[in-house]
Amino acid sequence: MAAAQTSPLPLAGITVLTLEHAIAAPFCTRQLADLGARVIKVERPGVGDFARGYDERARGMASHFVWTNRSKESLTLDLKHPQAVAILRRMLADVDVLVQNLAPGAAARLGLSFEALHDDFPRLIVCDISGYGSDGPYRDKKAYDLLIQSEAGFLSVTGTPETPAKAGCSIADIAAGMYGYSNILAALLARATSGQGCRIDVSMLESTVEWMSYPLYYAMDGAEPPPRAGAAHATIYPYGSFAAGDGRTVMLGLQNEREWRAFCVRVLERPELADDERFSSNGRRQAAREELRQQIQEVFATLTSEQLLARLELAQIANARLNDMHDVWAHPQLAARGRWTEVAAPGGALPALQPPGFPDGWTAQMGAIPALGEHTDALLAEFGCDSDEIAQLRAQGAI
């Protein structure tokens, strides 16, 4: 277990104002909050971030929202109200980072672009997160995670030969959120020297294409792209999913000839296969994968998944169980390392995974998930609105 924290988190004292919804920007700013930043989330009055309504699976709250919005303060404010931008500009005097993933061009139309703000707030870092970037022919296209996975080529290499498949989580949003987060950290470091803020323009497309660099280079100069191979590897065999005799699926992967021989001797208990010319190199095993798969499955059908995993461990062959979400909640490795904690939420405390990779001696900020508009009155008062002005804004439906 980590030692007790003896110093403030690195972003303590940093304030982030975020005009965000869905996943990419909220995921970015939650990472900043984990590191100690104060994150003020602006939401639409009455409905809030539309991710609040995706489902009610997390004890009455939406699973996506719970994941990406802990440790934030919720301010409801109608950005179309005549006083809204003036209120935000009043707040920006004390803000270090402005993050937004509004519709393309919306922040600029509100006068909240980096160019419109820089003269008055020279230290302000502005991070714009969008589907395709702030210019170019695709700037105004709608960009949902599935669509970006498709445009970035991810679906062309994921799935079975017959059917493409998207990733089961929002990888394009996650990629953009993490590049926003890392570049904000870099901008804060640079500002410590220069005293100047900057603009960060992160697109989901560019973030996901960066993650696609291996298949891009593999298909360079017109070469054949890697095929869709399900849970198997496109170019290595045996590698992927195999059924044990109890019906459970076991994943395994071989990387070299030493492992192939150990697999034949200790797992299959058929040492003669190690010297069979049909399977004497990865290229030959790949070419004869159906024939080899049949021989592997004949042996695996006689073993339970636990017996098979034990043999793979003994042979030092990389392996894994095919866990579902219930298995992950109860994963013994996460429990042994004390990775679970709790965060407060309007419907009661919820379990939460502690941020990966925190240095020893740091304890992440794991604050409550906010109710919609929970901090509106306190924030408006903090930034100069008196009680009459707050009451008027509420009467007008602006907050």
Protein backbone atom coordinates (compact mmCIF):
# COMPACT_ATOMS: atom_id res chain seq x y z
CA MET A 1 0.00 0.00 0.00
CA ALA A 2 1.13 3.56 -0.74
CA ALA A 3 2.47 5.67 2.08
CA ALA A 4 0.31 8.43 3.52
CA GLN A 5 0.36 11.56 1.43
CA THR A 6 2.68 14.21 2.81
CA SER A 7 2.41 16.96 0.18
CA PRO A 8 -0.34 18.47 -1.98
CA LEU A 9 -1.26 16.82 -5.26
CA PRO A 10 0.55 18.38 -8.23
CA LEU A 11 -2.51 20.21 -9.59
CA ALA A 12 -3.69 21.57 -6.25
CA GLY A 13 -4.41 25.26 -6.83
CA ILE A 14 -5.20 24.77 -10.55
CA THR A 15 -8.76 25.63 -11.57
CA VAL A 16 -10.35 24.16 -14.68
CA LEU A 17 -13.57 25.50 -16.21
CA THR A 18 -15.13 23.02 -18.61
CA LEU A 19 -17.97 23.31 -21.11
CA GLU A 20 -18.29 19.59 -21.67
CA HIS A 21 -20.60 16.72 -22.41
CA ALA A 22 -20.48 13.02 -23.25
CA ILE A 23 -17.07 11.40 -22.86
CA ALA A 24 -13.92 12.91 -24.41
CA ALA A 25 -13.75 16.21 -22.52
CA PRO A 26 -15.23 14.86 -19.25
CA PHE A 27 -12.68 12.01 -19.30
CA CYS A 28 -9.88 14.55 -19.85
CA THR A 29 -10.95 16.80 -16.99
CA ARG A 30 -11.55 13.92 -14.59
CA GLN A 31 -7.87 13.01 -14.95
CA LEU A 32 -7.01 16.61 -13.98
CA ALA A 33 -9.35 16.36 -10.99
CA ASP A 34 -7.69 13.11 -9.89
CA LEU A 35 -4.41 15.05 -9.71
CA GLY A 36 -5.94 17.69 -7.44
CA ALA A 37 -7.33 20.29 -9.84
CA ARG A 38 -10.56 22.05 -9.06
CA VAL A 39 -12.91 21.29 -11.98
CA ILE A 40 -16.03 23.41 -12.51
CA LYS A 41 -18.40 21.73 -14.97
CA VAL A 42 -20.93 23.93 -16.79
CA GLU A 43 -24.17 22.09 -17.61
CA ARG A 44 -27.48 22.89 -19.24
CA PRO A 45 -30.20 23.85 -16.75
CA GLY A 46 -32.76 21.11 -16.24
CA VAL A 47 -31.02 18.36 -18.21
CA GLY A 48 -27.29 18.78 -17.74
CA ASP A 49 -24.65 16.82 -19.58
CA PHE A 50 -26.68 14.49 -21.81
CA ALA A 51 -24.52 11.57 -20.65
CA ARG A 52 -26.46 11.80 -17.37
CA GLY A 53 -29.38 10.20 -19.25
CA TYR A 54 -27.59 7.32 -20.99
CA ASP A 55 -28.79 4.73 -18.43
CA GLU A 56 -29.48 4.29 -14.71
CA ARG A 57 -27.25 1.27 -14.09
CA ALA A 58 -24.96 2.76 -11.43
CA ARG A 59 -27.50 2.87 -8.59
CA GLY A 60 -29.71 5.32 -10.40
CA MET A 61 -26.97 7.23 -12.21
CA ALA A 62 -25.61 6.75 -15.73
CA SER A 63 -22.58 4.48 -15.95
CA HIS A 64 -20.74 6.79 -18.36
CA PHE A 65 -21.39 9.83 -16.17
CA VAL A 66 -20.24 8.13 -12.98
CA TRP A 67 -17.04 7.06 -14.72
CA THR A 68 -16.02 10.50 -16.00
CA ASN A 69 -17.32 13.08 -13.53
CA ARG A 70 -16.16 12.46 -9.99
CA SER A 71 -14.55 15.32 -8.01
CA LYS A 72 -16.27 18.02 -10.09
CA GLU A 73 -18.52 20.95 -9.19
CA SER A 74 -21.68 21.32 -11.27
CA LEU A 75 -22.78 24.79 -12.37
CA THR A 76 -25.97 25.02 -14.40
CA LEU A 77 -25.90 27.89 -16.88
CA ASP A 78 -27.72 28.45 -20.18
CA LEU A 79 -24.92 29.56 -22.51
CA LYS A 80 -27.46 31.31 -24.73
CA HIS A 81 -28.62 33.61 -21.95
CA PRO A 82 -27.44 37.23 -22.45
CA GLN A 83 -25.55 37.24 -19.16
CA ALA A 84 -23.94 33.81 -19.52
CA VAL A 85 -20.73 34.81 -21.25
CA ALA A 86 -20.23 37.75 -18.90
CA ILE A 87 -20.51 35.37 -15.95
CA LEU A 88 -18.01 32.97 -17.54
CA ARG A 89 -15.57 35.78 -18.30
CA ARG A 90 -15.82 36.88 -14.68
CA MET A 91 -14.86 33.35 -13.67
CA LEU A 92 -12.01 33.11 -16.19
CA ALA A 93 -10.02 35.71 -14.28
CA ASP A 94 -9.35 32.96 -11.71
CA VAL A 95 -9.21 29.99 -14.10
CA ASP A 96 -6.08 28.28 -15.41
CA VAL A 97 -7.57 25.98 -18.05
CA LEU A 98 -10.70 26.19 -20.19
CA VAL A 99 -11.77 22.89 -21.79
CA GLN A 100 -14.64 22.62 -24.24
CA ASN A 101 -16.13 20.06 -26.61
CA LEU A 102 -19.16 21.99 -27.76
CA ALA A 103 -20.35 21.70 -31.35
CA PRO A 104 -17.72 22.89 -33.88
CA GLY A 105 -17.52 26.69 -33.89
CA ALA A 106 -19.87 27.13 -30.92
CA ALA A 107 -17.23 28.38 -28.49
CA ALA A 108 -15.95 30.90 -31.05
CA ARG A 109 -19.48 32.19 -31.67
CA LEU A 110 -19.84 32.72 -27.93
CA GLY A 111 -16.60 34.70 -27.82
CA LEU A 112 -14.84 31.92 -25.91
CA SER A 113 -12.15 30.99 -28.41
CA PHE A 114 -8.49 31.23 -27.44
CA GLU A 115 -8.08 34.20 -29.80
CA ALA A 116 -11.00 36.07 -28.23
CA LEU A 117 -9.77 35.42 -24.69
CA HIS A 118 -5.99 35.60 -24.87
CA ASP A 119 -5.55 39.38 -24.60
CA ASP A 120 -7.68 39.57 -21.46
CA PHE A 121 -6.48 36.27 -19.97
CA PRO A 122 -2.92 35.76 -21.23
CA ARG A 123 -2.17 32.88 -18.84
CA LEU A 124 -5.28 30.92 -19.81
CA ILE A 125 -4.80 27.54 -21.49
CA VAL A 126 -7.67 26.68 -23.84
CA CYS A 127 -8.19 23.05 -24.85
CA ASP A 128 -10.66 22.42 -27.67
CA ILE A 129 -11.68 18.77 -28.17
CA SER A 130 -13.66 17.84 -31.27
CA GLY A 131 -14.30 15.01 -33.66
CA TYR A 132 -12.21 16.18 -36.59
CA GLY A 133 -10.39 19.34 -35.52
CA SER A 134 -11.08 23.04 -35.85
CA ASP A 135 -10.65 23.26 -39.62
CA GLY A 136 -10.56 21.09 -42.73
CA PRO A 137 -13.44 19.69 -44.79
CA TYR A 138 -14.69 17.41 -41.99
CA ARG A 139 -14.79 20.11 -39.31
CA ASP A 140 -18.59 20.23 -39.06
CA LYS A 141 -19.32 16.49 -39.32
CA LYS A 142 -20.97 14.87 -36.35
CA ALA A 143 -18.48 12.63 -34.60
CA TYR A 144 -19.64 9.81 -32.39
CA ASP A 145 -17.18 7.22 -31.13
CA LEU A 146 -18.33 4.51 -33.58
CA LEU A 147 -18.04 6.91 -36.52
CA ILE A 148 -14.50 7.92 -35.59
CA GLN A 149 -13.48 4.27 -35.10
CA SER A 150 -14.74 3.71 -38.64
CA GLU A 151 -13.07 6.76 -40.20
CA ALA A 152 -9.76 5.95 -38.46
CA GLY A 153 -9.69 2.44 -39.93
CA PHE A 154 -10.11 0.71 -36.58
CA LEU A 155 -13.12 -1.30 -37.77
CA SER A 156 -11.18 -2.49 -40.81
CA VAL A 157 -8.83 -4.51 -38.59
CA THR A 158 -11.19 -5.43 -35.73
CA GLY A 159 -13.80 -8.19 -35.84
CA THR A 160 -14.05 -11.38 -37.83
CA PRO A 161 -13.23 -11.82 -41.53
CA GLU A 162 -16.97 -11.64 -42.20
CA THR A 163 -18.00 -8.83 -39.85
CA PRO A 164 -16.22 -5.70 -38.61
CA ALA A 165 -16.66 -4.87 -34.93
CA LYS A 166 -16.18 -1.71 -32.91
CA ALA A 167 -14.34 -1.69 -29.61
CA GLY A 168 -16.65 -2.38 -26.68
CA CYS A 169 -15.69 0.87 -24.94
CA SER A 170 -15.35 4.43 -26.24
CA ILE A 171 -11.75 4.24 -27.44
CA ALA A 172 -11.90 7.31 -29.72
CA ASP A 173 -13.25 9.44 -26.87
CA ILE A 174 -10.70 7.96 -24.46
CA ALA A 175 -7.84 8.62 -26.89
CA ALA A 176 -8.85 12.26 -27.40
CA GLY A 177 -9.42 12.75 -23.67
CA MET A 178 -6.00 11.39 -22.79
CA TYR A 179 -4.20 13.51 -25.41
CA GLY A 180 -6.09 16.54 -24.10
CA TYR A 181 -5.05 15.69 -20.56
CA SER A 182 -1.36 15.08 -21.36
CA ASN A 183 -1.08 18.22 -23.46
CA ILE A 184 -2.72 20.32 -20.75
CA LEU A 185 -0.08 19.06 -18.32
CA ALA A 186 2.63 20.00 -20.83
CA ALA A 187 1.06 23.45 -21.32
CA LEU A 188 1.01 24.03 -17.56
CA LEU A 189 4.70 23.16 -17.39
CA ALA A 190 5.48 25.52 -20.27
CA ARG A 191 3.43 28.32 -18.69
CA ALA A 192 5.49 28.03 -15.52
CA THR A 193 8.45 29.26 -17.58
CA SER A 194 6.83 31.52 -20.18
CA GLY A 195 3.93 32.93 -18.18
CA GLN A 196 1.75 32.47 -21.26
CA GLY A 197 -1.22 30.26 -21.96
CA CYS A 198 -1.75 28.49 -25.27
CA ARG A 199 -4.36 26.76 -27.39
CA ILE A 200 -4.61 22.96 -27.64
CA ASP A 201 -6.62 21.54 -30.56
CA VAL A 202 -7.33 17.81 -30.04
CA SER A 203 -9.36 15.74 -32.49
CA MET A 204 -10.79 12.28 -31.92
CA LEU A 205 -9.79 11.30 -35.47
CA GLU A 206 -6.12 12.23 -35.09
CA SER A 207 -5.93 10.65 -31.63
CA THR A 208 -7.35 7.36 -32.89
CA VAL A 209 -5.25 7.34 -36.07
CA GLU A 210 -2.15 7.70 -33.88
CA TRP A 211 -3.20 4.49 -32.16
CA MET A 212 -3.57 2.87 -35.59
CA SER A 213 0.07 3.45 -36.54
CA TYR A 214 1.06 -0.24 -36.51
CA PRO A 215 -1.56 -1.29 -39.11
CA LEU A 216 -0.84 1.89 -41.08
CA TYR A 217 2.84 1.04 -41.41
CA TYR A 218 2.01 -2.62 -42.01
CA ALA A 219 -0.04 -1.53 -45.05
CA MET A 220 2.47 1.08 -46.26
CA ASP A 221 3.04 1.66 -49.98
CA GLY A 222 -0.04 -0.30 -50.99
CA ALA A 223 0.79 -3.47 -49.06
CA GLU A 224 -2.05 -5.73 -47.92
CA PRO A 225 -3.56 -4.43 -44.62
CA PRO A 226 -3.72 -6.76 -41.63
CA PRO A 227 -6.87 -8.92 -41.87
CA ARG A 228 -9.64 -9.01 -39.31
CA ALA A 229 -8.94 -12.05 -37.18
CA GLY A 230 -11.40 -11.90 -34.29
CA ALA A 231 -9.56 -12.57 -31.04
CA ALA A 232 -6.72 -14.23 -32.94
CA HIS A 233 -3.54 -12.52 -34.10
CA ALA A 234 -3.35 -11.62 -37.77
CA THR A 235 0.19 -12.94 -38.19
CA ILE A 236 1.07 -15.17 -35.17
CA TYR A 237 -0.28 -18.66 -34.42
CA PRO A 238 -1.32 -20.13 -32.03
CA TYR A 239 -2.52 -16.90 -30.49
CA GLY A 240 -6.04 -16.00 -29.33
CA SER A 241 -9.08 -17.80 -27.95
CA PHE A 242 -9.46 -21.53 -27.46
CA ALA A 243 -12.27 -23.52 -25.85
CA ALA A 244 -11.55 -25.78 -22.89
CA GLY A 245 -13.51 -28.93 -22.19
CA ASP A 246 -15.78 -27.20 -19.65
CA GLY A 247 -16.97 -24.70 -22.26
CA ARG A 248 -14.98 -21.77 -20.91
CA THR A 249 -12.67 -19.78 -23.15
CA VAL A 250 -8.96 -19.42 -22.49
CA MET A 251 -6.71 -16.90 -24.23
CA LEU A 252 -3.09 -17.71 -24.99
CA GLY A 253 -0.24 -16.38 -27.08
CA LEU A 254 3.08 -17.76 -28.34
CA GLN A 255 5.88 -15.45 -29.40
CA ASN A 256 8.86 -17.64 -30.39
CA GLU A 257 10.10 -21.14 -31.15
CA ARG A 258 11.15 -21.83 -27.57
CA GLU A 259 7.59 -21.22 -26.43
CA TRP A 260 6.24 -23.38 -29.28
CA ARG A 261 8.32 -26.34 -28.11
CA ALA A 262 7.26 -25.82 -24.48
CA PHE A 263 3.63 -25.61 -25.61
CA CYS A 264 3.90 -28.96 -27.43
CA VAL A 265 5.73 -30.73 -24.61
CA ARG A 266 4.09 -29.35 -21.47
CA VAL A 267 0.65 -28.17 -22.55
CA LEU A 268 -0.38 -30.48 -25.38
CA GLU A 269 1.85 -33.31 -24.11
CA ARG A 270 2.54 -34.11 -27.75
CA PRO A 271 6.29 -33.45 -28.15
CA GLU A 272 6.33 -34.85 -31.68
CA LEU A 273 4.46 -31.76 -32.92
CA ALA A 274 7.42 -29.56 -31.99
CA ASP A 275 9.45 -31.15 -34.81
CA ASP A 276 6.63 -31.58 -37.30
CA GLU A 277 7.68 -29.83 -40.53
CA ARG A 278 4.14 -28.52 -41.05
CA PHE A 279 4.49 -26.43 -37.87
CA SER A 280 8.25 -25.81 -37.69
CA SER A 281 8.04 -21.98 -37.95
CA ASN A 282 5.49 -19.30 -37.24
CA GLY A 283 4.96 -18.81 -40.98
CA ARG A 284 4.20 -22.52 -41.43
CA ARG A 285 1.93 -22.60 -38.40
CA GLN A 286 0.11 -19.58 -39.76
CA ALA A 287 -0.34 -21.27 -43.15
CA ALA A 288 -1.60 -24.46 -41.51
CA ARG A 289 -3.58 -22.80 -38.73
CA GLU A 290 -6.82 -24.72 -39.31
CA GLU A 291 -5.08 -28.07 -39.22
CA LEU A 292 -3.10 -27.07 -36.14
CA ARG A 293 -6.15 -25.62 -34.42
CA GLN A 294 -7.93 -28.95 -34.79
CA GLN A 295 -5.06 -30.78 -33.10
CA ILE A 296 -4.91 -28.20 -30.29
CA GLN A 297 -8.64 -28.35 -29.66
CA GLU A 298 -8.58 -32.17 -29.49
CA VAL A 299 -6.29 -31.89 -26.47
CA PHE A 300 -7.99 -28.87 -24.92
CA ALA A 301 -11.37 -30.66 -25.06
CA THR A 302 -10.05 -33.15 -22.48
CA LEU A 303 -9.13 -30.40 -19.97
CA THR A 304 -11.10 -28.00 -17.81
CA SER A 305 -10.18 -24.35 -18.12
CA GLU A 306 -8.42 -24.46 -14.76
CA GLN A 307 -6.38 -27.50 -15.79
CA LEU A 308 -5.47 -25.82 -19.07
CA LEU A 309 -4.44 -22.58 -17.36
CA ALA A 310 -2.31 -24.56 -14.91
CA ARG A 311 -0.47 -26.27 -17.79
CA LEU A 312 0.06 -22.94 -19.57
CA GLU A 313 1.49 -21.40 -16.39
CA LEU A 314 3.81 -24.37 -15.89
CA ALA A 315 5.06 -23.99 -19.46
CA GLN A 316 5.40 -20.20 -19.01
CA ILE A 317 3.04 -19.56 -21.90
CA ALA A 318 1.20 -16.21 -21.74
CA ASN A 319 -2.45 -16.82 -20.92
CA ALA A 320 -5.62 -15.23 -19.59
CA ARG A 321 -9.19 -16.01 -18.70
CA LEU A 322 -11.93 -14.46 -20.83
CA ASN A 323 -13.49 -12.47 -18.01
CA ASP A 324 -16.86 -10.78 -18.07
CA MET A 325 -17.63 -7.64 -16.08
CA HIS A 326 -18.63 -9.61 -12.97
CA ASP A 327 -15.26 -11.36 -13.05
CA VAL A 328 -13.47 -8.01 -13.29
CA TRP A 329 -15.31 -6.59 -10.26
CA ALA A 330 -13.99 -9.59 -8.31
CA HIS A 331 -10.56 -9.79 -9.95
CA PRO A 332 -8.09 -11.13 -7.38
CA GLN A 333 -5.19 -9.03 -8.66
CA LEU A 334 -7.09 -5.76 -8.27
CA ALA A 335 -8.21 -6.81 -4.80
CA ALA A 336 -4.73 -7.86 -3.73
CA ARG A 337 -3.30 -4.49 -4.79
CA GLY A 338 -6.04 -2.53 -3.03
CA ARG A 339 -7.16 -0.80 -6.21
CA TRP A 340 -10.80 -0.23 -5.23
CA THR A 341 -12.12 2.65 -3.16
CA GLU A 342 -15.46 4.48 -2.90
CA VAL A 343 -16.75 7.84 -4.09
CA ALA A 344 -19.83 9.66 -2.87
CA ALA A 345 -22.78 10.10 -5.24
CA PRO A 346 -26.31 11.47 -4.98
CA GLY A 347 -27.72 7.94 -4.72
CA GLY A 348 -25.13 6.69 -2.24
CA ALA A 349 -21.49 5.66 -2.30
CA LEU A 350 -20.18 3.88 -5.40
CA PRO A 351 -17.06 1.74 -5.87
CA ALA A 352 -14.35 3.34 -7.99
CA LEU A 353 -11.03 2.17 -9.36
CA GLN A 354 -8.12 4.26 -8.15
CA PRO A 355 -6.22 6.00 -10.98
CA PRO A 356 -3.48 3.79 -12.42
CA GLY A 357 0.17 4.63 -11.90
CA PHE A 358 0.03 7.20 -9.12
CA PRO A 359 3.45 7.68 -7.49
CA ASP A 360 3.97 6.31 -4.00
CA GLY A 361 2.95 8.86 -1.41
CA TRP A 362 0.18 10.41 -3.52
CA THR A 363 -3.50 9.82 -2.87
CA ALA A 364 -5.78 10.70 -5.77
CA GLN A 365 -8.56 13.20 -5.29
CA MET A 366 -11.62 10.94 -5.32
CA GLY A 367 -14.41 13.41 -4.69
CA ALA A 368 -18.15 13.05 -5.10
CA ILE A 369 -20.04 12.76 -8.37
CA PRO A 370 -22.11 15.95 -8.46
CA ALA A 371 -25.86 16.24 -8.68
CA LEU A 372 -26.99 18.50 -11.51
CA GLY A 373 -26.46 22.12 -10.49
CA GLU A 374 -25.40 21.14 -6.99
CA HIS A 375 -22.83 23.95 -6.73
CA THR A 376 -24.55 26.65 -8.82
CA ASP A 377 -25.48 29.10 -6.08
CA ALA A 378 -22.17 28.76 -4.24
CA LEU A 379 -20.13 29.22 -7.41
CA LEU A 380 -22.09 32.23 -8.64
CA ALA A 381 -21.74 33.86 -5.25
CA GLU A 382 -18.01 33.08 -5.18
CA PHE A 383 -17.55 34.79 -8.55
CA GLY A 384 -19.43 37.96 -7.73
CA CYS A 385 -23.17 37.39 -8.20
CA ASP A 386 -25.32 38.65 -5.35
CA SER A 387 -28.45 36.88 -4.13
CA ASP A 388 -30.79 39.10 -6.18
CA GLU A 389 -28.88 38.39 -9.39
CA ILE A 390 -28.90 34.65 -8.67
CA ALA A 391 -32.64 34.73 -7.98
CA GLN A 392 -33.24 36.63 -11.24
CA LEU A 393 -31.15 34.13 -13.25
CA ARG A 394 -33.13 31.28 -11.72
CA ALA A 395 -36.46 32.95 -12.47
CA GLN A 396 -35.35 33.37 -16.09
CA GLY A 397 -34.37 29.69 -16.38
CA ALA A 398 -30.74 30.65 -16.98
CA ILE A 399 -29.41 28.44 -14.17
